[in-house]
Amino acid sequence: MNSTTRFAFSMVGVGLLVALLVFVGLRADQRLKAIETLQRAPTAPPLRAFREVSRTVTSGQRVYVPVYSHIYANGGQEYLLEATLSIRNTDLEHSLVISSIRYYDTEGHFLEEYLEHPVVLGPLASTDFLVEHRDASGGTGANFLVDWEAENAISVPLIEAIMVRVGGNQAFAFARPGYPLATSPADQAP
């Protein structure tokens, strides 16, 4: 084969490769659009309906939030997790005050108060608190007790813990919602 023929074959090969890449790119784009269409959230109910349903608290709550410092997998191997306590004021008009965030271990022993002073969350504001993956003191049954108050009847805040593990070729995350224990947290013992 002479050099002209080899050059022609190599150009045909490059042309076929480019065509294949364009085809694969178009198919990937079509698949992504199909996935995006499937992932679109359904139309939300009118805001008025949401606010009527969620306006159930008048002055405050004590909320229990489960947290996992670590979990077990692969025959009992311990995997340390990083946890974020997320508190979101869902009310459009009124602030709330977070008066206490206490962290407890698996045995129910108090470990730490996360607040030095009360924190005010304005309408639609949020805040978060981190339990680093190196801190395994809470164990698999750790929890937060969050006390919040408001001057007005407000939408119930969203309080949850998000646990994450990223490392090597493994990554996962899961969330646990908070559970109201009582109203009027000032009347409850710590």
Protein backbone atom coordinates (compact mmCIF):
# COMPACT_ATOMS: atom_id res chain seq x y z
CA MET A 1 0.00 0.00 0.00
CA ASN A 2 1.39 3.37 -0.91
CA SER A 3 1.33 6.41 1.33
CA THR A 4 -1.57 8.02 -0.54
CA THR A 5 -3.77 4.96 -0.02
CA ARG A 6 -2.84 4.76 3.67
CA PHE A 7 -3.62 8.45 4.06
CA ALA A 8 -7.03 7.96 2.38
CA PHE A 9 -7.86 4.99 4.65
CA SER A 10 -6.81 6.92 7.74
CA MET A 11 -9.00 9.88 6.70
CA VAL A 12 -11.95 7.53 6.19
CA GLY A 13 -11.26 6.06 9.64
CA VAL A 14 -11.13 9.51 11.22
CA GLY A 15 -14.38 10.44 9.45
CA LEU A 16 -16.09 7.30 10.74
CA LEU A 17 -14.80 7.98 14.28
CA VAL A 18 -16.12 11.56 14.17
CA ALA A 19 -19.50 10.34 12.89
CA LEU A 20 -19.64 7.73 15.67
CA LEU A 21 -18.83 10.33 18.34
CA VAL A 22 -21.50 12.70 17.00
CA PHE A 23 -24.05 9.85 17.01
CA VAL A 24 -23.15 8.81 20.58
CA GLY A 25 -23.30 12.44 21.71
CA LEU A 26 -26.76 12.92 20.19
CA ARG A 27 -28.03 9.69 21.79
CA ALA A 28 -26.63 10.73 25.18
CA ASP A 29 -28.31 14.14 24.85
CA GLN A 30 -31.64 12.45 24.03
CA ARG A 31 -31.30 10.15 27.04
CA LEU A 32 -30.49 13.05 29.36
CA LYS A 33 -33.54 14.96 28.13
CA ALA A 34 -35.71 11.88 28.72
CA ILE A 35 -34.31 11.51 32.27
CA GLU A 36 -34.85 15.23 32.98
CA THR A 37 -38.46 14.90 31.82
CA LEU A 38 -39.02 11.94 34.15
CA GLN A 39 -37.39 13.73 37.10
CA ARG A 40 -39.48 16.89 36.87
CA ALA A 41 -41.53 17.31 40.00
CA PRO A 42 -45.28 17.27 39.60
CA THR A 43 -47.02 20.61 39.82
CA ALA A 44 -47.06 21.75 43.44
CA PRO A 45 -50.39 22.46 45.11
CA PRO A 46 -51.27 26.11 45.56
CA LEU A 47 -49.20 27.80 48.26
CA ARG A 48 -52.37 28.69 50.18
CA ALA A 49 -53.26 24.99 50.56
CA PHE A 50 -49.73 24.18 51.76
CA ARG A 51 -49.77 26.97 54.34
CA GLU A 52 -53.20 25.89 55.67
CA VAL A 53 -52.00 22.31 56.16
CA SER A 54 -48.61 23.22 57.65
CA ARG A 55 -49.75 25.95 60.08
CA THR A 56 -50.20 23.56 62.99
CA VAL A 57 -47.85 24.99 65.61
CA THR A 58 -48.54 28.16 67.52
CA SER A 59 -45.50 28.74 69.70
CA GLY A 60 -42.83 26.09 69.25
CA GLN A 61 -41.75 22.49 69.55
CA ARG A 62 -39.11 20.11 70.79
CA VAL A 63 -38.03 17.96 67.84
CA TYR A 64 -36.15 14.65 68.03
CA VAL A 65 -33.80 14.14 65.06
CA PRO A 66 -32.09 10.74 64.59
CA VAL A 67 -28.43 10.92 63.53
CA TYR A 68 -26.03 8.15 62.55
CA SER A 69 -22.33 8.75 63.30
CA HIS A 70 -21.64 5.43 61.66
CA ILE A 71 -23.44 2.43 60.20
CA TYR A 72 -22.49 -1.19 59.70
CA ALA A 73 -22.23 -3.02 56.37
CA ASN A 74 -20.31 -5.88 54.76
CA GLY A 75 -20.55 -8.25 57.70
CA GLY A 76 -20.27 -5.69 60.48
CA GLN A 77 -17.65 -3.34 59.05
CA GLU A 78 -18.08 0.14 60.55
CA TYR A 79 -18.47 3.06 58.14
CA LEU A 80 -18.09 6.54 59.62
CA LEU A 81 -20.57 9.13 58.36
CA GLU A 82 -20.63 12.91 58.21
CA ALA A 83 -23.97 14.29 59.39
CA THR A 84 -25.57 17.67 58.79
CA LEU A 85 -28.45 18.89 60.93
CA SER A 86 -30.52 21.16 58.69
CA ILE A 87 -33.16 23.55 60.05
CA ARG A 88 -35.30 25.46 57.57
CA ASN A 89 -37.94 28.04 58.39
CA THR A 90 -40.73 27.29 55.91
CA ASP A 91 -42.85 30.31 56.87
CA LEU A 92 -43.07 33.14 54.33
CA GLU A 93 -43.82 35.91 56.84
CA HIS A 94 -42.54 35.15 60.35
CA SER A 95 -39.24 34.36 62.03
CA LEU A 96 -38.57 31.57 64.47
CA VAL A 97 -36.02 31.27 67.26
CA ILE A 98 -33.93 28.15 67.79
CA SER A 99 -33.29 28.16 71.53
CA SER A 100 -31.36 24.89 71.95
CA ILE A 101 -29.71 22.12 69.95
CA ARG A 102 -28.52 19.26 72.17
CA TYR A 103 -26.59 16.23 70.86
CA TYR A 104 -26.95 12.82 72.56
CA ASP A 105 -25.21 9.46 72.04
CA THR A 106 -26.63 5.97 71.53
CA GLU A 107 -27.01 5.45 75.29
CA GLY A 108 -28.93 8.72 75.66
CA HIS A 109 -26.04 10.56 77.33
CA PHE A 110 -25.76 14.27 76.65
CA LEU A 111 -22.67 15.08 74.54
CA GLU A 112 -22.86 18.71 73.48
CA GLU A 113 -24.99 21.86 73.26
CA TYR A 114 -24.52 23.27 69.75
CA LEU A 115 -25.79 26.78 70.54
CA GLU A 116 -24.10 29.37 72.74
CA HIS A 117 -27.09 31.69 72.31
CA PRO A 118 -30.46 31.53 70.53
CA VAL A 119 -30.48 31.79 66.74
CA VAL A 120 -33.17 33.69 64.82
CA LEU A 121 -34.21 32.32 61.43
CA GLY A 122 -36.08 34.80 59.29
CA PRO A 123 -38.77 33.82 56.81
CA LEU A 124 -37.48 31.07 54.48
CA ALA A 125 -34.04 31.19 56.13
CA SER A 126 -32.09 28.10 57.04
CA THR A 127 -29.09 27.03 59.07
CA ASP A 128 -27.12 23.84 59.54
CA PHE A 129 -24.77 22.17 62.00
CA LEU A 130 -22.11 19.59 61.21
CA VAL A 131 -21.08 16.39 62.96
CA GLU A 132 -17.80 15.52 61.25
CA HIS A 133 -17.12 11.96 60.15
CA ARG A 134 -14.19 11.80 62.58
CA ASP A 135 -16.64 12.29 65.48
CA ALA A 136 -18.05 8.82 66.14
CA SER A 137 -19.02 9.67 69.74
CA GLY A 138 -22.75 9.59 68.97
CA GLY A 139 -22.80 6.09 67.56
CA THR A 140 -25.52 4.48 65.51
CA GLY A 141 -28.28 5.78 67.78
CA ALA A 142 -27.18 9.41 68.19
CA ASN A 143 -29.79 12.15 68.13
CA PHE A 144 -30.41 15.85 68.40
CA LEU A 145 -33.10 17.53 70.46
CA VAL A 146 -33.97 20.85 68.81
CA ASP A 147 -36.11 23.42 70.62
CA TRP A 148 -37.65 26.25 68.63
CA GLU A 149 -40.20 28.95 69.35
CA ALA A 150 -42.14 31.61 67.48
CA GLU A 151 -44.23 34.60 68.50
CA ASN A 152 -46.90 33.82 65.88
CA ALA A 153 -48.53 30.74 64.45
CA ILE A 154 -46.08 29.69 61.72
CA SER A 155 -45.57 26.94 59.20
CA VAL A 156 -43.79 23.98 60.74
CA PRO A 157 -40.05 24.21 60.04
CA LEU A 158 -38.28 21.42 58.18
CA ILE A 159 -35.75 19.83 60.54
CA GLU A 160 -33.75 16.85 59.30
CA ALA A 161 -30.37 15.15 59.43
CA ILE A 162 -28.51 14.25 56.26
CA MET A 163 -25.81 11.58 56.54
CA VAL A 164 -23.11 11.24 53.88
CA ARG A 165 -20.17 8.95 53.18
CA VAL A 166 -17.81 9.58 50.27
CA GLY A 167 -14.62 7.63 49.79
CA GLY A 168 -12.85 5.61 47.15
CA ASN A 169 -15.41 4.33 44.68
CA GLN A 170 -18.25 4.41 47.24
CA ALA A 171 -20.62 7.23 48.01
CA PHE A 172 -24.05 7.34 49.58
CA ALA A 173 -26.33 9.72 51.43
CA PHE A 174 -29.60 9.45 53.28
CA ALA A 175 -31.78 11.76 55.33
CA ARG A 176 -33.89 11.30 58.46
CA PRO A 177 -36.70 13.71 59.38
CA GLY A 178 -37.20 15.22 62.80
CA TYR A 179 -40.13 14.05 64.96
CA PRO A 180 -42.01 16.53 67.17
CA LEU A 181 -42.00 15.43 70.81
CA ALA A 182 -43.80 18.30 72.48
CA THR A 183 -45.04 21.83 72.09
CA SER A 184 -43.85 24.63 74.33
CA PRO A 185 -40.19 23.51 74.63
CA ALA A 186 -39.60 25.93 77.49
CA ASP A 187 -41.89 23.75 79.64
CA GLN A 188 -39.90 20.55 78.94
CA ALA A 189 -36.89 19.27 80.87
CA PRO A 190 -33.62 19.00 78.85
